[in-house]
């Protein structure tokens, strides 16, 4: 039986929406529709990518019977309402990170997705880059010995503009949801058991969101991960996975294509290159379609859930509450 071509709808027209449009085009797919709060931006996006369907009101995307899967690229704090509307109407969802603000929101989305029998996934590049599938197989095989520690850095220098999405609490700003989600997802992907212990230190921006944090994770096997995050000083996006018999170093780890393995006993170095950084969203899209067709289950929703639980608990410890949560819109 020939596999059905899925009709993709895109919600939002920002940078990552453009990347996904390019990825879909590369795969030879025609994007079915686009929606955006600002209608003129949706029209410009549609013209750029030869999309026939543009909604006068973006909410029409959720009820369009011809749409199979929706890619959501809007700010974190809008995700849950959009996802619930779409899932209720039987749409598969690929949603940009962080998938929701907190665990309660994600639990609601997961429950409804199961009820409606649709695929729900976070657009987390780390779960889909080909190099990580290879490295995980190597580590799981025991070739490098027991996993002991993972070290992760992610730092960007953002100007102190409290109105932009990085520092604005009304847009669910802060380092944890914006960049920390990558680091924690990476750590959990390679750790062999659920993380059971979490400790942290945090520095707040003048707007009240988390600007900088140090996070320590450990599981029942005593595998550890240390994470350093900042939105107001530059750090390399560097990951090191340390095992008994060697360590793996990866630069630009959110979208990596290259890793260096150093073998402890001999000092030998092995360089691995798999995939292409610029195709990160292409790999996400391919895995999403395979999940919808039943070919694979590489959406890693169980890790997304664990990571969201960790981030939710961290923010509770920090006393960082977003306006939507304070107003009890989401319970």
C-alpha atoms as a PDB file:
ATOM      1  CA  UNK A   1       0.000   0.000   0.000  1.00  0.00           C
ATOM      2  CA  UNK A   2       1.343   3.404  -0.961  1.00  0.00           C
ATOM      3  CA  UNK A   3       1.985   5.677   1.996  1.00  0.00           C
ATOM      4  CA  UNK A   4      -0.295   8.701   2.152  1.00  0.00           C
ATOM      5  CA  UNK A   5       1.360  12.075   1.651  1.00  0.00           C
ATOM      6  CA  UNK A   6       0.730  14.093   4.806  1.00  0.00           C
ATOM      7  CA  UNK A   7      -0.620  17.619   4.607  1.00  0.00           C
ATOM      8  CA  UNK A   8       1.500  19.893   6.804  1.00  0.00           C
ATOM      9  CA  UNK A   9       0.202  23.132   8.263  1.00  0.00           C
ATOM     10  CA  UNK A  10       2.609  25.641   9.807  1.00  0.00           C
ATOM     11  CA  UNK A  11       1.605  27.959  12.645  1.00  0.00           C
ATOM     12  CA  UNK A  12       3.932  30.951  12.875  1.00  0.00           C
ATOM     13  CA  UNK A  13       6.245  32.539  10.329  1.00  0.00           C
ATOM     14  CA  UNK A  14       9.485  33.191  12.247  1.00  0.00           C
ATOM     15  CA  UNK A  15      13.004  31.868  11.723  1.00  0.00           C
ATOM     16  CA  UNK A  16      12.322  28.207  12.579  1.00  0.00           C
ATOM     17  CA  UNK A  17       9.105  28.212  10.540  1.00  0.00           C
ATOM     18  CA  UNK A  18      11.199  29.231   7.541  1.00  0.00           C
ATOM     19  CA  UNK A  19      13.677  26.447   8.305  1.00  0.00           C
ATOM     20  CA  UNK A  20      10.888  23.883   8.423  1.00  0.00           C
ATOM     21  CA  UNK A  21       9.458  25.153   5.164  1.00  0.00           C
ATOM     22  CA  UNK A  22      12.875  24.658   3.560  1.00  0.00           C
ATOM     23  CA  UNK A  23      13.081  21.146   5.073  1.00  0.00           C
ATOM     24  CA  UNK A  24       9.660  20.190   3.717  1.00  0.00           C
ATOM     25  CA  UNK A  25      10.589  21.514   0.288  1.00  0.00           C
ATOM     26  CA  UNK A  26      13.840  19.529   0.381  1.00  0.00           C
ATOM     27  CA  UNK A  27      11.813  16.377   1.020  1.00  0.00           C
ATOM     28  CA  UNK A  28       9.703  17.150  -2.037  1.00  0.00           C
ATOM     29  CA  UNK A  29       6.612  17.958  -0.021  1.00  0.00           C
ATOM     30  CA  UNK A  30       4.155  20.723  -0.718  1.00  0.00           C
ATOM     31  CA  UNK A  31       3.209  22.657   2.401  1.00  0.00           C
ATOM     32  CA  UNK A  32      -0.561  22.660   2.579  1.00  0.00           C
ATOM     33  CA  UNK A  33      -1.238  25.762   4.689  1.00  0.00           C
ATOM     34  CA  UNK A  34       0.089  28.493   6.958  1.00  0.00           C
ATOM     35  CA  UNK A  35      -1.458  30.523   9.758  1.00  0.00           C
ATOM     36  CA  UNK A  36      -0.226  33.538  11.688  1.00  0.00           C
ATOM     37  CA  UNK A  37      -1.743  36.154  13.989  1.00  0.00           C
ATOM     38  CA  UNK A  38      -0.595  38.815  11.512  1.00  0.00           C
ATOM     39  CA  UNK A  39      -2.341  37.904   8.278  1.00  0.00           C
ATOM     40  CA  UNK A  40       0.061  39.886   6.080  1.00  0.00           C
ATOM     41  CA  UNK A  41       3.018  37.847   7.375  1.00  0.00           C
ATOM     42  CA  UNK A  42       1.191  34.623   6.554  1.00  0.00           C
ATOM     43  CA  UNK A  43       0.581  35.896   3.015  1.00  0.00           C
ATOM     44  CA  UNK A  44       4.276  36.762   2.571  1.00  0.00           C
ATOM     45  CA  UNK A  45       5.301  33.348   3.897  1.00  0.00           C
ATOM     46  CA  UNK A  46       2.849  31.604   1.579  1.00  0.00           C
ATOM     47  CA  UNK A  47       4.166  33.462  -1.443  1.00  0.00           C
ATOM     48  CA  UNK A  48       7.771  32.660  -0.525  1.00  0.00           C
ATOM     49  CA  UNK A  49       7.121  28.910  -0.228  1.00  0.00           C
ATOM     50  CA  UNK A  50       4.309  28.505  -2.785  1.00  0.00           C
ATOM     51  CA  UNK A  51       1.637  27.658  -0.216  1.00  0.00           C
ATOM     52  CA  UNK A  52      -1.907  27.826  -1.546  1.00  0.00           C
ATOM     53  CA  UNK A  53      -3.867  27.918   1.711  1.00  0.00           C
ATOM     54  CA  UNK A  54      -3.662  30.983   3.979  1.00  0.00           C
ATOM     55  CA  UNK A  55      -6.225  31.379   6.742  1.00  0.00           C
ATOM     56  CA  UNK A  56      -8.013  34.667   7.284  1.00  0.00           C
ATOM     57  CA  UNK A  57      -8.098  33.692  10.972  1.00  0.00           C
ATOM     58  CA  UNK A  58      -5.224  31.495  12.095  1.00  0.00           C
ATOM     59  CA  UNK A  59      -7.473  29.397  14.369  1.00  0.00           C
ATOM     60  CA  UNK A  60      -9.019  27.923  11.214  1.00  0.00           C
ATOM     61  CA  UNK A  61      -5.837  25.863  10.888  1.00  0.00           C
ATOM     62  CA  UNK A  62      -6.887  23.682  13.826  1.00  0.00           C
ATOM     63  CA  UNK A  63     -10.219  22.670  12.306  1.00  0.00           C
ATOM     64  CA  UNK A  64      -9.238  22.332   8.646  1.00  0.00           C
ATOM     65  CA  UNK A  65     -10.152  18.724   7.819  1.00  0.00           C
ATOM     66  CA  UNK A  66      -7.430  18.557   5.162  1.00  0.00           C
ATOM     67  CA  UNK A  67      -4.580  19.203   7.634  1.00  0.00           C
ATOM     68  CA  UNK A  68      -2.872  16.071   8.995  1.00  0.00           C
ATOM     69  CA  UNK A  69       0.010  17.493  11.043  1.00  0.00           C
ATOM     70  CA  UNK A  70       0.698  20.958  12.454  1.00  0.00           C
ATOM     71  CA  UNK A  71       4.132  22.413  13.194  1.00  0.00           C
ATOM     72  CA  UNK A  72       3.797  25.002  15.990  1.00  0.00           C
ATOM     73  CA  UNK A  73       6.495  27.692  16.160  1.00  0.00           C
ATOM     74  CA  UNK A  74       4.880  30.344  18.362  1.00  0.00           C
ATOM     75  CA  UNK A  75       6.173  31.493  21.833  1.00  0.00           C
ATOM     76  CA  UNK A  76       6.238  28.899  24.662  1.00  0.00           C
ATOM     77  CA  UNK A  77       3.304  30.398  26.531  1.00  0.00           C
ATOM     78  CA  UNK A  78       0.937  29.992  23.562  1.00  0.00           C
ATOM     79  CA  UNK A  79       1.700  26.332  22.887  1.00  0.00           C
ATOM     80  CA  UNK A  80      -0.756  24.604  25.169  1.00  0.00           C
ATOM     81  CA  UNK A  81      -3.903  26.372  23.937  1.00  0.00           C
ATOM     82  CA  UNK A  82      -2.952  25.813  20.314  1.00  0.00           C
ATOM     83  CA  UNK A  83      -2.013  22.166  20.877  1.00  0.00           C
ATOM     84  CA  UNK A  84      -5.230  21.314  22.686  1.00  0.00           C
ATOM     85  CA  UNK A  85      -7.365  22.884  19.948  1.00  0.00           C
ATOM     86  CA  UNK A  86      -5.436  21.034  17.260  1.00  0.00           C
ATOM     87  CA  UNK A  87      -5.329  17.664  19.027  1.00  0.00           C
ATOM     88  CA  UNK A  88      -9.045  17.884  19.788  1.00  0.00           C
ATOM     89  CA  UNK A  89      -9.537  18.009  16.021  1.00  0.00           C
ATOM     90  CA  UNK A  90      -7.318  14.991  15.378  1.00  0.00           C
ATOM     91  CA  UNK A  91      -4.145  16.746  14.235  1.00  0.00           C
ATOM     92  CA  UNK A  92      -0.680  15.338  14.839  1.00  0.00           C
ATOM     93  CA  UNK A  93       1.561  17.914  16.542  1.00  0.00           C
ATOM     94  CA  UNK A  94       5.240  18.771  16.201  1.00  0.00           C
ATOM     95  CA  UNK A  95       5.784  21.684  18.593  1.00  0.00           C
ATOM     96  CA  UNK A  96       8.868  23.802  19.107  1.00  0.00           C
ATOM     97  CA  UNK A  97      10.706  23.607  22.395  1.00  0.00           C
ATOM     98  CA  UNK A  98       9.923  24.134  25.154  1.00  0.00           C
ATOM     99  CA  UNK A  99       6.786  22.171  24.299  1.00  0.00           C
ATOM    100  CA  UNK A 100       4.805  23.692  27.204  1.00  0.00           C
ATOM    101  CA  UNK A 101       5.399  25.961  30.202  1.00  0.00           C
ATOM    102  CA  UNK A 102       5.082  23.218  32.797  1.00  0.00           C
ATOM    103  CA  UNK A 103       4.291  19.583  33.521  1.00  0.00           C
ATOM    104  CA  UNK A 104       0.582  20.128  34.120  1.00  0.00           C
ATOM    105  CA  UNK A 105       0.192  21.547  30.616  1.00  0.00           C
ATOM    106  CA  UNK A 106       2.179  18.732  29.047  1.00  0.00           C
ATOM    107  CA  UNK A 107       0.191  16.093  30.941  1.00  0.00           C
ATOM    108  CA  UNK A 108      -3.025  17.549  29.552  1.00  0.00           C
ATOM    109  CA  UNK A 109      -1.668  17.469  26.001  1.00  0.00           C
ATOM    110  CA  UNK A 110      -0.343  13.892  26.349  1.00  0.00           C
ATOM    111  CA  UNK A 111      -3.644  12.645  27.773  1.00  0.00           C
ATOM    112  CA  UNK A 112      -5.652  14.209  24.961  1.00  0.00           C
ATOM    113  CA  UNK A 113      -3.212  12.961  22.299  1.00  0.00           C
ATOM    114  CA  UNK A 114      -3.631   9.405  23.576  1.00  0.00           C
ATOM    115  CA  UNK A 115      -7.409   9.816  23.595  1.00  0.00           C
ATOM    116  CA  UNK A 116      -7.437  11.122  20.017  1.00  0.00           C
ATOM    117  CA  UNK A 117      -4.739   8.658  18.861  1.00  0.00           C
ATOM    118  CA  UNK A 118      -2.439  11.312  17.418  1.00  0.00           C
ATOM    119  CA  UNK A 119       1.333  11.756  17.586  1.00  0.00           C
ATOM    120  CA  UNK A 120       2.592  14.527  19.862  1.00  0.00           C
ATOM    121  CA  UNK A 121       6.273  15.461  19.725  1.00  0.00           C
ATOM    122  CA  UNK A 122       8.623  18.232  20.750  1.00  0.00           C
ATOM    123  CA  UNK A 123      10.778  19.655  17.960  1.00  0.00           C
ATOM    124  CA  UNK A 124      14.001  18.867  19.822  1.00  0.00           C
ATOM    125  CA  UNK A 125      16.883  18.679  17.342  1.00  0.00           C
ATOM    126  CA  UNK A 126      18.993  16.540  19.685  1.00  0.00           C
ATOM    127  CA  UNK A 127      16.560  13.635  19.405  1.00  0.00           C
ATOM    128  CA  UNK A 128      16.886  13.534  15.618  1.00  0.00           C
ATOM    129  CA  UNK A 129      20.449  14.431  14.564  1.00  0.00           C
ATOM    130  CA  UNK A 130      21.943  11.275  12.973  1.00  0.00           C
ATOM    131  CA  UNK A 131      25.211  11.580  14.883  1.00  0.00           C
ATOM    132  CA  UNK A 132      23.450  11.090  18.213  1.00  0.00           C
ATOM    133  CA  UNK A 133      21.805   7.901  17.086  1.00  0.00           C
ATOM    134  CA  UNK A 134      25.300   6.594  16.264  1.00  0.00           C
ATOM    135  CA  UNK A 135      26.902   7.819  19.500  1.00  0.00           C
ATOM    136  CA  UNK A 136      24.110   6.438  21.647  1.00  0.00           C
ATOM    137  CA  UNK A 137      24.555   3.012  20.048  1.00  0.00           C
ATOM    138  CA  UNK A 138      28.303   3.163  20.776  1.00  0.00           C
ATOM    139  CA  UNK A 139      27.777   4.104  24.426  1.00  0.00           C
ATOM    140  CA  UNK A 140      24.971   1.581  24.939  1.00  0.00           C
ATOM    141  CA  UNK A 141      27.203  -1.151  23.457  1.00  0.00           C
ATOM    142  CA  UNK A 142      29.709  -0.673  26.291  1.00  0.00           C
ATOM    143  CA  UNK A 143      32.610  -0.015  23.925  1.00  0.00           C
ATOM    144  CA  UNK A 144      33.602   3.033  25.974  1.00  0.00           C
ATOM    145  CA  UNK A 145      32.887   1.426  29.335  1.00  0.00           C
ATOM    146  CA  UNK A 146      30.436   2.752  31.903  1.00  0.00           C
ATOM    147  CA  UNK A 147      29.030   6.246  31.493  1.00  0.00           C
ATOM    148  CA  UNK A 148      30.169   8.418  34.401  1.00  0.00           C
ATOM    149  CA  UNK A 149      29.579  12.102  33.701  1.00  0.00           C
ATOM    150  CA  UNK A 150      28.207  14.505  31.107  1.00  0.00           C
ATOM    151  CA  UNK A 151      29.221  18.178  31.037  1.00  0.00           C
ATOM    152  CA  UNK A 152      27.174  20.706  29.079  1.00  0.00           C
ATOM    153  CA  UNK A 153      27.609  24.411  28.451  1.00  0.00           C
ATOM    154  CA  UNK A 154      25.266  26.767  26.617  1.00  0.00           C
ATOM    155  CA  UNK A 155      25.715  30.518  26.793  1.00  0.00           C
ATOM    156  CA  UNK A 156      24.576  33.398  24.615  1.00  0.00           C
ATOM    157  CA  UNK A 157      25.138  37.098  25.092  1.00  0.00           C
ATOM    158  CA  UNK A 158      21.802  38.876  24.838  1.00  0.00           C
ATOM    159  CA  UNK A 159      21.470  42.615  25.437  1.00  0.00           C
ATOM    160  CA  UNK A 160      19.426  43.586  28.492  1.00  0.00           C
ATOM    161  CA  UNK A 161      16.225  44.302  26.620  1.00  0.00           C
ATOM    162  CA  UNK A 162      13.507  43.232  29.003  1.00  0.00           C
ATOM    163  CA  UNK A 163      10.887  43.363  26.245  1.00  0.00           C
ATOM    164  CA  UNK A 164      12.437  40.708  24.014  1.00  0.00           C
ATOM    165  CA  UNK A 165      11.504  37.052  24.325  1.00  0.00           C
ATOM    166  CA  UNK A 166      14.697  36.118  26.162  1.00  0.00           C
ATOM    167  CA  UNK A 167      14.073  38.258  29.237  1.00  0.00           C
ATOM    168  CA  UNK A 168      10.350  39.025  29.063  1.00  0.00           C
ATOM    169  CA  UNK A 169       8.270  37.055  31.610  1.00  0.00           C
ATOM    170  CA  UNK A 170       5.150  37.732  29.535  1.00  0.00           C
ATOM    171  CA  UNK A 171       6.745  35.660  26.757  1.00  0.00           C
ATOM    172  CA  UNK A 172       7.927  32.932  29.157  1.00  0.00           C
ATOM    173  CA  UNK A 173      11.513  34.159  28.892  1.00  0.00           C
ATOM    174  CA  UNK A 174      14.561  32.855  30.702  1.00  0.00           C
ATOM    175  CA  UNK A 175      17.508  30.564  30.113  1.00  0.00           C
ATOM    176  CA  UNK A 176      15.904  27.329  31.301  1.00  0.00           C
ATOM    177  CA  UNK A 177      13.042  27.073  28.808  1.00  0.00           C
ATOM    178  CA  UNK A 178      15.013  28.656  25.961  1.00  0.00           C
ATOM    179  CA  UNK A 179      18.395  26.909  26.121  1.00  0.00           C
ATOM    180  CA  UNK A 180      18.350  24.708  29.214  1.00  0.00           C
ATOM    181  CA  UNK A 181      15.849  22.413  27.559  1.00  0.00           C
ATOM    182  CA  UNK A 182      18.563  21.435  25.045  1.00  0.00           C
ATOM    183  CA  UNK A 183      21.118  20.618  27.728  1.00  0.00           C
ATOM    184  CA  UNK A 184      18.771  18.604  29.953  1.00  0.00           C
ATOM    185  CA  UNK A 185      17.382  16.736  26.933  1.00  0.00           C
ATOM    186  CA  UNK A 186      20.932  15.870  25.841  1.00  0.00           C
ATOM    187  CA  UNK A 187      21.848  14.618  29.312  1.00  0.00           C
ATOM    188  CA  UNK A 188      18.748  12.466  29.627  1.00  0.00           C
ATOM    189  CA  UNK A 189      19.142  11.015  26.125  1.00  0.00           C
ATOM    190  CA  UNK A 190      22.529   9.527  27.029  1.00  0.00           C
ATOM    191  CA  UNK A 191      21.971   8.714  30.706  1.00  0.00           C
ATOM    192  CA  UNK A 192      20.823   5.113  31.113  1.00  0.00           C
ATOM    193  CA  UNK A 193      18.155   5.697  33.774  1.00  0.00           C
ATOM    194  CA  UNK A 194      15.701   8.334  34.946  1.00  0.00           C
ATOM    195  CA  UNK A 195      17.179  11.343  36.700  1.00  0.00           C
ATOM    196  CA  UNK A 196      16.288  11.188  40.396  1.00  0.00           C
ATOM    197  CA  UNK A 197      18.357  13.978  41.980  1.00  0.00           C
ATOM    198  CA  UNK A 198      18.495  17.619  40.858  1.00  0.00           C
ATOM    199  CA  UNK A 199      20.213  20.586  42.491  1.00  0.00           C
ATOM    200  CA  UNK A 200      20.860  24.083  41.181  1.00  0.00           C
ATOM    201  CA  UNK A 201      21.953  27.675  41.637  1.00  0.00           C
ATOM    202  CA  UNK A 202      20.258  30.526  39.760  1.00  0.00           C
ATOM    203  CA  UNK A 203      20.809  34.209  38.993  1.00  0.00           C
ATOM    204  CA  UNK A 204      17.810  36.285  37.923  1.00  0.00           C
ATOM    205  CA  UNK A 205      17.642  38.994  35.271  1.00  0.00           C
ATOM    206  CA  UNK A 206      16.215  42.412  36.248  1.00  0.00           C
ATOM    207  CA  UNK A 207      12.881  41.300  34.754  1.00  0.00           C
ATOM    208  CA  UNK A 208      12.690  38.370  37.180  1.00  0.00           C
ATOM    209  CA  UNK A 209      13.328  35.486  34.773  1.00  0.00           C
ATOM    210  CA  UNK A 210      16.306  33.158  35.080  1.00  0.00           C
ATOM    211  CA  UNK A 211      19.346  34.659  33.389  1.00  0.00           C
ATOM    212  CA  UNK A 212      22.002  32.199  34.504  1.00  0.00           C
ATOM    213  CA  UNK A 213      21.994  28.797  36.185  1.00  0.00           C
ATOM    214  CA  UNK A 214      24.150  25.885  37.236  1.00  0.00           C
ATOM    215  CA  UNK A 215      22.347  22.534  37.377  1.00  0.00           C
ATOM    216  CA  UNK A 216      23.546  19.163  38.669  1.00  0.00           C
ATOM    217  CA  UNK A 217      21.699  15.962  37.727  1.00  0.00           C
ATOM    218  CA  UNK A 218      22.149  12.379  38.931  1.00  0.00           C
ATOM    219  CA  UNK A 219      20.288   9.099  38.441  1.00  0.00           C
ATOM    220  CA  UNK A 220      20.067   5.898  40.481  1.00  0.00           C
ATOM    221  CA  UNK A 221      23.152   4.519  38.705  1.00  0.00           C
ATOM    222  CA  UNK A 222      25.059   7.601  39.898  1.00  0.00           C
ATOM    223  CA  UNK A 223      25.613   8.853  36.373  1.00  0.00           C
ATOM    224  CA  UNK A 224      25.940  12.612  36.668  1.00  0.00           C
ATOM    225  CA  UNK A 225      25.497  15.659  34.456  1.00  0.00           C
ATOM    226  CA  UNK A 226      26.636  19.220  35.105  1.00  0.00           C
ATOM    227  CA  UNK A 227      25.015  22.045  33.161  1.00  0.00           C
ATOM    228  CA  UNK A 228      26.021  25.720  32.891  1.00  0.00           C
ATOM    229  CA  UNK A 229      23.527  28.111  31.266  1.00  0.00           C
ATOM    230  CA  UNK A 230      23.589  31.857  30.664  1.00  0.00           C
ATOM    231  CA  UNK A 231      21.782  34.392  28.498  1.00  0.00           C
ATOM    232  CA  UNK A 232      24.152  37.278  29.279  1.00  0.00           C
ATOM    233  CA  UNK A 233      27.637  35.902  28.558  1.00  0.00           C
ATOM    234  CA  UNK A 234      29.008  33.844  25.713  1.00  0.00           C
ATOM    235  CA  UNK A 235      29.883  30.195  26.239  1.00  0.00           C
ATOM    236  CA  UNK A 236      30.648  27.497  23.689  1.00  0.00           C
ATOM    237  CA  UNK A 237      27.832  25.055  23.078  1.00  0.00           C
ATOM    238  CA  UNK A 238      30.031  22.200  24.264  1.00  0.00           C
ATOM    239  CA  UNK A 239      29.160  18.714  25.457  1.00  0.00           C
ATOM    240  CA  UNK A 240      31.517  16.117  26.921  1.00  0.00           C
ATOM    241  CA  UNK A 241      30.371  12.560  27.610  1.00  0.00           C
ATOM    242  CA  UNK A 242      32.859  10.837  29.942  1.00  0.00           C
ATOM    243  CA  UNK A 243      33.072   7.056  30.231  1.00  0.00           C
ATOM    244  CA  UNK A 244      35.586   4.633  31.764  1.00  0.00           C
ATOM    245  CA  UNK A 245      37.525   3.998  28.573  1.00  0.00           C
ATOM    246  CA  UNK A 246      37.209   7.316  26.809  1.00  0.00           C
ATOM    247  CA  UNK A 247      35.319  10.541  26.354  1.00  0.00           C
ATOM    248  CA  UNK A 248      33.365  12.159  23.549  1.00  0.00           C
ATOM    249  CA  UNK A 249      33.549  15.899  22.858  1.00  0.00           C
ATOM    250  CA  UNK A 250      30.893  17.614  20.761  1.00  0.00           C
ATOM    251  CA  UNK A 251      30.778  21.281  19.804  1.00  0.00           C
ATOM    252  CA  UNK A 252      27.568  23.084  18.812  1.00  0.00           C
ATOM    253  CA  UNK A 253      25.690  20.131  20.290  1.00  0.00           C
ATOM    254  CA  UNK A 254      22.101  21.296  19.623  1.00  0.00           C
ATOM    255  CA  UNK A 255      22.706  20.633  15.920  1.00  0.00           C
ATOM    256  CA  UNK A 256      25.939  18.678  15.821  1.00  0.00           C
ATOM    257  CA  UNK A 257      27.357  16.740  12.904  1.00  0.00           C
ATOM    258  CA  UNK A 258      30.825  16.037  14.311  1.00  0.00           C
ATOM    259  CA  UNK A 259      32.185  14.383  17.468  1.00  0.00           C
ATOM    260  CA  UNK A 260      35.675  13.553  18.694  1.00  0.00           C
ATOM    261  CA  UNK A 261      36.265  10.378  20.710  1.00  0.00           C
ATOM    262  CA  UNK A 262      39.444  10.156  22.809  1.00  0.00           C
ATOM    263  CA  UNK A 263      40.266   6.632  24.023  1.00  0.00           C
ATOM    264  CA  UNK A 264      41.747   6.804  27.525  1.00  0.00           C
ATOM    265  CA  UNK A 265      43.945   3.709  27.439  1.00  0.00           C
ATOM    266  CA  UNK A 266      45.824   4.579  24.229  1.00  0.00           C
ATOM    267  CA  UNK A 267      45.248   8.297  23.752  1.00  0.00           C
ATOM    268  CA  UNK A 268      44.003   7.545  20.250  1.00  0.00           C
ATOM    269  CA  UNK A 269      41.539   9.971  18.716  1.00  0.00           C
ATOM    270  CA  UNK A 270      38.620   9.131  16.431  1.00  0.00           C
ATOM    271  CA  UNK A 271      36.622  11.790  14.601  1.00  0.00           C
ATOM    272  CA  UNK A 272      33.076  10.966  13.552  1.00  0.00           C
ATOM    273  CA  UNK A 273      31.029  13.047  11.118  1.00  0.00           C
ATOM    274  CA  UNK A 274      27.441  12.063  10.367  1.00  0.00           C
ATOM    275  CA  UNK A 275      24.605  14.159   9.012  1.00  0.00           C
ATOM    276  CA  UNK A 276      24.542  17.890   8.372  1.00  0.00           C
ATOM    277  CA  UNK A 277      23.866  20.719  10.797  1.00  0.00           C
ATOM    278  CA  UNK A 278      21.801  22.660   8.303  1.00  0.00           C
ATOM    279  CA  UNK A 279      19.416  19.711   7.902  1.00  0.00           C
ATOM    280  CA  UNK A 280      18.382  19.602  11.589  1.00  0.00           C
ATOM    281  CA  UNK A 281      14.702  20.307  10.925  1.00  0.00           C
ATOM    282  CA  UNK A 282      14.723  17.965   7.938  1.00  0.00           C
ATOM    283  CA  UNK A 283      15.666  15.104  10.280  1.00  0.00           C
ATOM    284  CA  UNK A 284      12.936  16.170  12.732  1.00  0.00           C
ATOM    285  CA  UNK A 285      10.351  16.163   9.970  1.00  0.00           C
ATOM    286  CA  UNK A 286      11.402  12.737   8.660  1.00  0.00           C
ATOM    287  CA  UNK A 287      11.218  11.180  12.137  1.00  0.00           C
ATOM    288  CA  UNK A 288       7.831  12.793  12.730  1.00  0.00           C
ATOM    289  CA  UNK A 289       6.431  11.316   9.543  1.00  0.00           C
ATOM    290  CA  UNK A 290       7.842   7.890  10.439  1.00  0.00           C
ATOM    291  CA  UNK A 291       6.166   8.118  13.843  1.00  0.00           C
ATOM    292  CA  UNK A 292       2.832   9.025  12.256  1.00  0.00           C
ATOM    293  CA  UNK A 293       3.091   6.122   9.807  1.00  0.00           C
ATOM    294  CA  UNK A 294       4.047   3.727  12.597  1.00  0.00           C
ATOM    295  CA  UNK A 295       7.524   3.028  11.204  1.00  0.00           C
ATOM    296  CA  UNK A 296       9.289   4.228  14.350  1.00  0.00           C
ATOM    297  CA  UNK A 297       8.779   5.805  17.758  1.00  0.00           C
ATOM    298  CA  UNK A 298      11.676   8.243  17.676  1.00  0.00           C
ATOM    299  CA  UNK A 299       9.680  11.184  19.031  1.00  0.00           C
ATOM    300  CA  UNK A 300      11.175  10.576  22.514  1.00  0.00           C
ATOM    301  CA  UNK A 301       8.044  11.888  24.224  1.00  0.00           C
ATOM    302  CA  UNK A 302       8.975  10.041  27.415  1.00  0.00           C
ATOM    303  CA  UNK A 303      12.204  12.072  27.619  1.00  0.00           C
ATOM    304  CA  UNK A 304      10.321  15.279  26.831  1.00  0.00           C
ATOM    305  CA  UNK A 305       8.065  14.493  29.791  1.00  0.00           C
ATOM    306  CA  UNK A 306      10.988  13.809  32.155  1.00  0.00           C
ATOM    307  CA  UNK A 307      12.754  17.009  31.078  1.00  0.00           C
ATOM    308  CA  UNK A 308       9.607  19.070  31.565  1.00  0.00           C
ATOM    309  CA  UNK A 309       9.175  17.614  35.060  1.00  0.00           C
ATOM    310  CA  UNK A 310      12.743  18.626  35.924  1.00  0.00           C
ATOM    311  CA  UNK A 311      12.298  22.160  34.575  1.00  0.00           C
ATOM    312  CA  UNK A 312       8.959  22.587  36.326  1.00  0.00           C
ATOM    313  CA  UNK A 313      10.425  21.521  39.667  1.00  0.00           C
ATOM    314  CA  UNK A 314      13.446  23.775  39.202  1.00  0.00           C
ATOM    315  CA  UNK A 315      11.252  26.805  38.585  1.00  0.00           C
ATOM    316  CA  UNK A 316       9.178  25.943  41.652  1.00  0.00           C
ATOM    317  CA  UNK A 317      12.368  25.884  43.732  1.00  0.00           C
ATOM    318  CA  UNK A 318      13.427  29.205  42.221  1.00  0.00           C
ATOM    319  CA  UNK A 319      10.019  30.780  42.766  1.00  0.00           C
ATOM    320  CA  UNK A 320       9.797  31.636  39.064  1.00  0.00           C
ATOM    321  CA  UNK A 321       6.154  31.748  38.023  1.00  0.00           C
ATOM    322  CA  UNK A 322       4.916  33.034  34.675  1.00  0.00           C
ATOM    323  CA  UNK A 323       1.805  35.246  34.428  1.00  0.00           C
ATOM    324  CA  UNK A 324      -0.312  32.446  32.895  1.00  0.00           C
ATOM    325  CA  UNK A 325       0.528  30.198  35.831  1.00  0.00           C
ATOM    326  CA  UNK A 326      -0.066  32.915  38.407  1.00  0.00           C
ATOM    327  CA  UNK A 327      -3.497  33.599  37.010  1.00  0.00           C
ATOM    328  CA  UNK A 328      -4.311  29.876  37.253  1.00  0.00           C
ATOM    329  CA  UNK A 329      -5.217  29.677  33.584  1.00  0.00           C
ATOM    330  CA  UNK A 330      -3.542  26.280  33.510  1.00  0.00           C
ATOM    331  CA  UNK A 331      -4.205  23.823  36.333  1.00  0.00           C
END
